Every structure is written in structure tokens, then in C-alpha cells.
Amino acid sequence: MAAYQVKDKSFATIDEYFDYMAETFGYTAYHRSFTSDTVDSDGLKLHLDIYEHDKNAPTIVLIPGTALYSLCYVEIMYKLGVHGFNFVGFDPRGHGRSEGTRGDYTIEEIMADAQNVITYAIDRFNPKVSLMGSSQGGIVAFYLAAIEERIQSVICQNFADLTDTDTMNLSRYPNLTKFIKPLLLGFGNGLFSDAQLPISMYLDLEKIKIKRFGNAKNFMDQDPLVLKSVSIKALRSLTKTPIPKNPSEISTPVMVFQGTDDTIFPVEYTQSIYDKLTCKKHFEIFENMNHALITDNVEEIVPPIVEWLKEIYPES
């Protein structure tokens, strides 16, 4: 019996699906360079994808974006890894191959998941650990920069302060988001907190262009592991979770990057938060790239990230 169904195709294992996608679209099967493991987080087993360069090399822990899972970022993990870094990508609770109710989480819970993966990375490799996050994962990495003393830097594709009124514009329908925020605050912890809403209600997936698939909607419709919806509790968390410290008080080095054509995070918004940082920092802006640059423009974005990591780990 097939474990994974993709339209008219059946796959016994998820690796067969990844092999099929690589063959169909003509790219390297990077996932074959990774091993799998699990780590416990609040009693849930989280799936890990591990690229091992060297036991003594620095390790990057990767936090996926909304609805996604670690191997969505397999190309950039591999192409950064060969420059001298271990990678531990993880599927947050309720995502990908991890345990937990699908799509039911809070930002605080994903932060806890990331901290447990940091512990795993230190135990398996060494204390040289940085975080890398994309979109929602970038926000989580940024928040952890404020409180997690074990990391040497964070690399964020986008970040945000989720309690900032400007974040109301970071959605498909800003006016609708302003309208439903009181409802989320009212019901997010109550009877309806487990109810789920389609991701397409608050993100314009068709506007996010992705090579090979056309747009994010097409990709998400056919992929067997991505989330199609999230709980009201999760949405409430995305509107009320405060950053643990004022950005000006963060001491962990922060790199942020994004494209000028990002339809979710305007450059001006990112710049407004970046300007508050007093720590070692770097903002890399990529012309004519959109929200999918971390998967679509890997060759262009790897060099400045490597340069940043070499500054953080000059001995590597």
C-alpha cells in the first residue's frame, strides 16, 4: 500500500517521492546526502534531516517557514554544508514528518522545538551552533536570538515583531486580518482554538512565484507533506507573540536577507527593525528576487551567507 499519494502517482516512501521530483525536474537528489534522526520535544518526536561535514565543524540548525518542512530547503542546506558546515534541519511539531496535530502549534512551541534541536546539535557535534530560518522560521530564529545564549548567530530570511501593528500588512488581506485579530484573540485559547483555517486565507500563495511549479499554491497542492491549513491557535500566536527583548537589546549577531520583490515582507518593514539592532548585523538585499529566493536562487544567496558564517567562525 502506498504511503504517499501525489495526484496520480503513488510512492511507498517519501524518498521515492523526492527521487521522482528530482528526476522529473532535472535537479540533483540532494536528499540522498542527508541522514534522518529524531529528537524529543515536549513528548513529541521531531524529524531531523542531518548533513554531516565534520564533527568539529560549526552546525547550522534550520527552521522551516509556514507549512513547510526541512527538506524543502535541501539544496541550500547542502550547498552551504559543502562550504564547511554541518546542518540539522527539523520539521516543527505538527509539520512534515514530526509528531503532533497537523498545523496546530504556537510560536513559543516552535521556539521550544528549536531549542531542543540546538541541544541535539551540541550533543552530536559541538557547541558551535547558529540558527537559520525562513519566513516564519526567520521570525522564530530572530526571537531566539534574544534569549538563547548557546547560539553564535542567526541568519533570517525575513523577520518581524509579531505584536507590531505593521505586521497586520504582512498577509493576503490586511484589512481582513485587522478584522479577525480580535476574534483570534478571543477564540485562540478557547473552544474553537483547534479549528483550522486554510493558509490561503491569509497568504496569497498564487503571488509567490516558485520555479518548476509556477507558484506556491501549485507546489502546496501537490506536495504530500506540506500543511494546507493551520489552527486558530497558531494564527492567534502569529498575532500576539511578543519578541522576548527589544531589538536594541539583542547581542547575538544577526544577518537578515530578502528580495526586493517579496510580496509578504516589504524591504522597508525589514529595514525598520534592522535599524533598531545594535548587535553585529548585516542586511543583504537581493534585487528582483521574491519570497521564494531561498529555494529558487540558491546560487546567488549562498556566497553572502558563507561570508557571514566565516566571520562568525573564522577558524572554519
Protein backbone atom coordinates (compact mmCIF):
# COMPACT_ATOMS: atom_id res chain seq x y z
CA MET A 1 0.00 0.00 0.00
CA ALA A 2 1.37 3.42 -0.97
CA ALA A 3 2.33 5.66 1.93
CA TYR A 4 2.32 8.85 -0.16
CA GLN A 5 -0.06 9.83 -2.93
CA VAL A 6 0.67 12.74 -5.29
CA LYS A 7 -2.15 13.18 -7.78
CA ASP A 8 -1.98 10.01 -9.93
CA LYS A 9 1.40 8.88 -8.55
CA SER A 10 1.92 6.57 -5.58
CA PHE A 11 5.13 6.27 -3.56
CA ALA A 12 5.99 3.67 -0.94
CA THR A 13 8.41 6.04 0.82
CA ILE A 14 8.95 9.77 0.91
CA ASP A 15 12.45 9.25 -0.53
CA GLU A 16 10.82 7.75 -3.62
CA TYR A 17 8.77 10.94 -3.94
CA PHE A 18 11.90 13.09 -3.61
CA ASP A 19 13.69 10.91 -6.20
CA TYR A 20 10.74 11.29 -8.57
CA MET A 21 10.72 15.08 -8.18
CA ALA A 22 14.48 15.30 -8.81
CA GLU A 23 14.19 13.16 -11.94
CA THR A 24 11.09 14.97 -13.21
CA PHE A 25 12.54 18.46 -12.84
CA GLY A 26 16.14 17.56 -13.59
CA TYR A 27 17.87 18.58 -10.38
CA THR A 28 20.27 16.72 -8.09
CA ALA A 29 18.80 14.36 -5.48
CA TYR A 30 20.41 16.28 -2.63
CA HIS A 31 18.29 14.47 -0.03
CA ARG A 32 20.43 11.37 -0.56
CA SER A 33 23.31 13.21 1.18
CA PHE A 34 21.28 13.51 4.40
CA THR A 35 20.56 11.07 7.21
CA SER A 36 17.50 11.07 9.45
CA ASP A 37 17.06 11.07 13.20
CA THR A 38 14.56 12.25 15.80
CA VAL A 39 14.65 14.37 18.93
CA ASP A 40 12.09 14.68 21.71
CA SER A 41 10.29 17.98 22.28
CA ASP A 42 7.54 18.13 24.91
CA GLY A 43 6.96 14.40 24.46
CA LEU A 44 6.74 14.63 20.65
CA LYS A 45 9.26 13.12 18.27
CA LEU A 46 10.58 15.70 15.81
CA HIS A 47 12.00 14.57 12.48
CA LEU A 48 15.57 15.70 11.74
CA ASP A 49 17.48 15.83 8.45
CA ILE A 50 21.24 15.86 9.01
CA TYR A 51 24.12 16.79 6.74
CA GLU A 52 27.42 15.97 8.43
CA HIS A 53 30.50 17.75 7.14
CA ASP A 54 32.81 17.16 10.09
CA LYS A 55 32.31 16.53 13.81
CA ASN A 56 34.30 19.66 14.65
CA ALA A 57 32.66 21.94 12.07
CA PRO A 58 30.07 24.57 13.06
CA THR A 59 26.45 23.43 12.84
CA ILE A 60 23.52 25.33 11.37
CA VAL A 61 20.06 24.47 12.69
CA LEU A 62 17.41 25.24 10.05
CA ILE A 63 13.87 26.34 10.97
CA PRO A 64 11.35 26.00 8.09
CA GLY A 65 8.72 28.54 7.12
CA THR A 66 4.94 28.35 7.41
CA ALA A 67 3.54 24.93 6.44
CA LEU A 68 6.88 23.63 5.18
CA TYR A 69 9.40 21.03 6.31
CA SER A 70 13.17 20.70 6.45
CA LEU A 71 13.83 19.09 3.06
CA CYS A 72 12.03 21.91 1.26
CA TYR A 73 15.38 23.64 1.85
CA VAL A 74 17.58 20.68 0.94
CA GLU A 75 19.50 22.46 -1.83
CA ILE A 76 20.63 25.41 0.27
CA MET A 77 21.44 23.17 3.23
CA TYR A 78 23.61 21.01 1.01
CA LYS A 79 25.31 23.89 -0.81
CA LEU A 80 26.10 25.70 2.43
CA GLY A 81 27.17 22.43 4.04
CA VAL A 82 29.87 21.72 1.46
CA HIS A 83 31.48 25.03 2.44
CA GLY A 84 32.34 23.51 5.81
CA PHE A 85 29.20 23.29 7.94
CA ASN A 86 27.03 20.61 9.48
CA PHE A 87 23.29 21.07 9.06
CA VAL A 88 20.43 19.89 11.24
CA GLY A 89 17.10 20.74 9.64
CA PHE A 90 13.95 19.86 11.56
CA ASP A 91 10.24 19.59 10.96
CA PRO A 92 8.50 21.52 13.77
CA ARG A 93 5.73 19.79 15.70
CA GLY A 94 2.66 19.24 13.53
CA HIS A 95 4.73 19.70 10.35
CA GLY A 96 6.27 17.32 7.82
CA ARG A 97 7.24 14.00 9.39
CA SER A 98 7.16 15.18 13.01
CA GLU A 99 4.59 14.14 15.57
CA GLY A 100 1.84 16.45 16.78
CA THR A 101 -1.55 17.52 15.47
CA ARG A 102 -1.08 18.76 11.92
CA GLY A 103 -1.00 22.55 11.75
CA ASP A 104 -1.55 23.04 15.48
CA TYR A 105 1.27 24.95 17.14
CA THR A 106 2.35 28.26 18.62
CA ILE A 107 5.44 30.36 18.01
CA GLU A 108 6.56 29.58 21.57
CA GLU A 109 6.27 25.86 20.86
CA ILE A 110 8.37 26.10 17.70
CA MET A 111 10.91 28.08 19.71
CA ALA A 112 10.99 25.21 22.22
CA ASP A 113 11.37 22.73 19.36
CA ALA A 114 14.33 24.69 18.00
CA GLN A 115 15.95 24.80 21.44
CA ASN A 116 15.70 21.02 21.74
CA VAL A 117 17.29 20.68 18.29
CA ILE A 118 20.08 23.03 19.41
CA THR A 119 20.73 20.66 22.32
CA TYR A 120 20.81 17.74 19.88
CA ALA A 121 23.28 19.57 17.61
CA ILE A 122 25.60 20.39 20.52
CA ASP A 123 25.48 16.81 21.81
CA ARG A 124 26.08 15.29 18.37
CA PHE A 125 28.69 17.75 17.11
CA ASN A 126 29.99 20.61 19.28
CA PRO A 127 28.89 23.93 20.84
CA LYS A 128 29.41 25.95 17.64
CA VAL A 129 25.78 26.44 16.57
CA SER A 130 23.96 29.09 14.55
CA LEU A 131 20.30 29.27 13.57
CA MET A 132 18.91 29.81 10.09
CA GLY A 133 15.21 30.41 9.45
CA SER A 134 12.98 31.23 6.52
CA SER A 135 9.86 33.42 6.75
CA GLN A 136 8.04 32.23 9.91
CA GLY A 137 11.23 30.31 10.70
CA GLY A 138 13.18 33.55 10.35
CA ILE A 139 10.92 35.14 12.95
CA VAL A 140 11.49 32.20 15.31
CA ALA A 141 15.28 32.44 14.80
CA PHE A 142 15.14 36.19 15.47
CA TYR A 143 13.13 35.68 18.65
CA LEU A 144 15.61 33.06 19.85
CA ALA A 145 18.47 35.47 19.22
CA ALA A 146 17.00 37.47 22.10
CA ILE A 147 17.12 34.64 24.67
CA GLU A 148 19.19 31.66 23.52
CA GLU A 149 22.73 32.08 24.85
CA ARG A 150 24.08 28.91 23.23
CA ILE A 151 23.97 30.20 19.65
CA GLN A 152 26.66 32.30 18.00
CA SER A 153 24.49 33.91 15.30
CA VAL A 154 21.18 33.82 13.46
CA ILE A 155 20.52 34.05 9.73
CA CYS A 156 16.98 35.12 8.92
CA GLN A 157 15.15 35.24 5.64
CA ASN A 158 12.85 37.97 6.87
CA PHE A 159 11.97 38.73 10.46
CA ALA A 160 9.20 40.56 12.30
CA ASP A 161 7.86 41.72 15.63
CA LEU A 162 4.52 39.90 15.73
CA THR A 163 2.92 42.43 18.07
CA ASP A 164 3.83 45.38 15.84
CA THR A 165 0.79 46.92 14.16
CA ASP A 166 2.75 46.97 10.90
CA THR A 167 2.66 43.16 10.82
CA MET A 168 -1.04 43.43 10.02
CA ASN A 169 0.05 44.23 6.48
CA LEU A 170 2.04 41.00 6.20
CA SER A 171 -0.86 38.94 4.91
CA ARG A 172 -3.05 38.41 1.88
CA TYR A 173 -5.83 40.66 3.12
CA PRO A 174 -4.53 43.23 5.67
CA ASN A 175 -7.97 44.70 6.33
CA LEU A 176 -9.44 41.25 6.90
CA THR A 177 -6.57 40.44 9.25
CA LYS A 178 -7.32 43.56 11.29
CA PHE A 179 -10.95 42.47 11.47
CA ILE A 180 -10.29 38.91 12.57
CA LYS A 181 -7.49 39.70 15.04
CA PRO A 182 -10.00 40.39 17.88
CA LEU A 183 -11.67 37.07 17.05
CA LEU A 184 -8.34 35.26 17.14
CA LEU A 185 -7.53 36.83 20.49
CA GLY A 186 -10.95 35.80 21.78
CA PHE A 187 -11.12 32.26 20.46
CA GLY A 188 -7.47 31.30 20.13
CA ASN A 189 -7.36 29.72 23.59
CA GLY A 190 -10.98 28.63 23.76
CA LEU A 191 -13.45 26.13 22.35
CA PHE A 192 -12.54 26.85 18.73
CA SER A 193 -8.75 27.02 19.14
CA ASP A 194 -8.29 23.65 17.42
CA ALA A 195 -10.38 24.65 14.41
CA GLN A 196 -8.31 25.10 11.27
CA LEU A 197 -8.31 27.74 8.55
CA PRO A 198 -6.77 27.36 5.08
CA ILE A 199 -3.38 29.03 4.75
CA SER A 200 -4.63 30.62 1.54
CA MET A 201 -6.98 32.77 3.65
CA TYR A 202 -4.12 34.88 4.98
CA LEU A 203 -1.30 34.34 2.46
CA ASP A 204 -1.69 34.97 -1.26
CA LEU A 205 0.00 31.78 -2.40
CA GLU A 206 -0.55 32.48 -6.08
CA LYS A 207 1.53 35.67 -5.80
CA ILE A 208 4.55 33.76 -4.50
CA LYS A 209 6.26 32.62 -7.68
CA ILE A 210 8.23 29.37 -7.49
CA LYS A 211 10.29 27.89 -10.28
CA ARG A 212 9.24 24.46 -11.51
CA PHE A 213 5.75 24.86 -10.00
CA GLY A 214 4.72 28.33 -11.15
CA ASN A 215 3.59 29.47 -7.70
CA ALA A 216 3.36 28.39 -4.07
CA LYS A 217 -0.25 27.26 -4.43
CA ASN A 218 0.64 24.74 -7.12
CA PHE A 219 3.51 23.40 -5.02
CA MET A 220 1.43 23.10 -1.85
CA ASP A 221 -1.47 21.47 -3.68
CA GLN A 222 0.69 18.58 -4.88
CA ASP A 223 3.24 18.09 -2.08
CA PRO A 224 2.27 15.27 0.33
CA LEU A 225 3.95 16.76 3.41
CA VAL A 226 3.14 20.49 3.43
CA LEU A 227 0.32 21.82 5.58
CA LYS A 228 -2.81 23.06 3.86
CA SER A 229 -4.29 24.68 6.96
CA VAL A 230 -3.32 25.83 10.45
CA SER A 231 -5.24 26.08 13.70
CA ILE A 232 -6.81 29.24 15.07
CA LYS A 233 -4.42 28.79 18.00
CA ALA A 234 -1.48 29.04 15.58
CA LEU A 235 -2.91 32.14 13.91
CA ARG A 236 -3.51 33.73 17.30
CA SER A 237 0.11 33.08 18.18
CA LEU A 238 1.17 34.81 14.96
CA THR A 239 -0.66 37.96 16.05
CA LYS A 240 0.17 38.18 19.75
CA THR A 241 3.59 36.65 20.49
CA PRO A 242 5.94 39.44 21.63
CA ILE A 243 9.63 39.43 20.87
CA PRO A 244 11.39 38.47 24.15
CA LYS A 245 13.57 41.60 24.12
CA ASN A 246 13.59 44.95 22.43
CA PRO A 247 15.66 44.53 19.23
CA SER A 248 18.12 47.11 20.56
CA GLU A 249 18.92 44.76 23.47
CA ILE A 250 19.78 41.72 21.32
CA SER A 251 23.50 40.91 21.49
CA THR A 252 23.60 37.80 19.27
CA PRO A 253 24.87 38.65 15.75
CA VAL A 254 22.01 38.85 13.24
CA MET A 255 22.07 38.50 9.46
CA VAL A 256 18.82 39.13 7.58
CA PHE A 257 18.25 38.77 3.85
CA GLN A 258 15.38 39.12 1.43
CA GLY A 259 14.43 40.03 -2.12
CA THR A 260 13.15 43.37 -3.35
CA ASP A 261 10.12 41.65 -4.92
CA ASP A 262 8.96 39.96 -1.71
CA THR A 263 5.15 40.32 -1.64
CA ILE A 264 4.87 39.38 2.06
CA PHE A 265 7.72 41.24 3.76
CA PRO A 266 8.42 44.67 2.25
CA VAL A 267 12.07 45.72 2.39
CA GLU A 268 11.03 48.89 4.23
CA TYR A 269 9.46 46.84 7.02
CA THR A 270 12.57 44.69 7.45
CA GLN A 271 14.76 47.79 7.38
CA SER A 272 12.73 49.40 10.17
CA ILE A 273 13.51 46.51 12.52
CA TYR A 274 17.09 46.14 11.32
CA ASP A 275 17.77 49.79 12.14
CA LYS A 276 16.89 49.10 15.81
CA LEU A 277 19.56 46.42 16.16
CA THR A 278 22.78 47.39 17.95
CA CYS A 279 24.49 43.97 17.73
CA LYS A 280 26.82 42.81 14.95
CA LYS A 281 24.49 42.76 11.96
CA HIS A 282 24.20 42.55 8.20
CA PHE A 283 21.27 43.12 5.83
CA GLU A 284 21.61 41.56 2.37
CA ILE A 285 19.05 42.70 -0.21
CA PHE A 286 18.71 40.76 -3.45
CA GLU A 287 17.36 42.67 -6.42
CA ASN A 288 14.41 41.25 -8.35
CA MET A 289 14.01 38.22 -6.08
CA ASN A 290 10.81 37.24 -4.30
CA HIS A 291 9.77 35.36 -1.17
CA ALA A 292 10.93 32.03 -2.63
CA LEU A 293 14.55 33.12 -3.09
CA ILE A 294 15.83 30.63 -0.52
CA THR A 295 14.74 27.77 -2.81
CA ASP A 296 14.78 29.46 -6.22
CA ASN A 297 18.01 31.49 -6.08
CA VAL A 298 20.36 29.32 -4.07
CA GLU A 299 23.47 30.02 -6.14
CA GLU A 300 23.08 33.77 -5.61
CA ILE A 301 22.32 33.76 -1.90
CA VAL A 302 24.87 31.19 -0.70
CA PRO A 303 28.03 33.38 -1.08
CA PRO A 304 27.00 36.22 1.30
CA ILE A 305 25.73 33.68 3.85
CA VAL A 306 29.06 31.82 3.70
CA GLU A 307 30.89 35.14 4.10
CA TRP A 308 28.80 35.89 7.20
CA LEU A 309 29.44 32.45 8.69
CA LYS A 310 33.18 32.78 8.06
CA GLU A 311 33.11 35.99 10.09
CA ILE A 312 31.30 34.21 12.92
CA TYR A 313 33.57 31.14 12.72
CA PRO A 314 36.90 32.43 11.34
CA GLU A 315 38.66 29.18 12.22
CA SER A 316 36.35 27.17 9.92
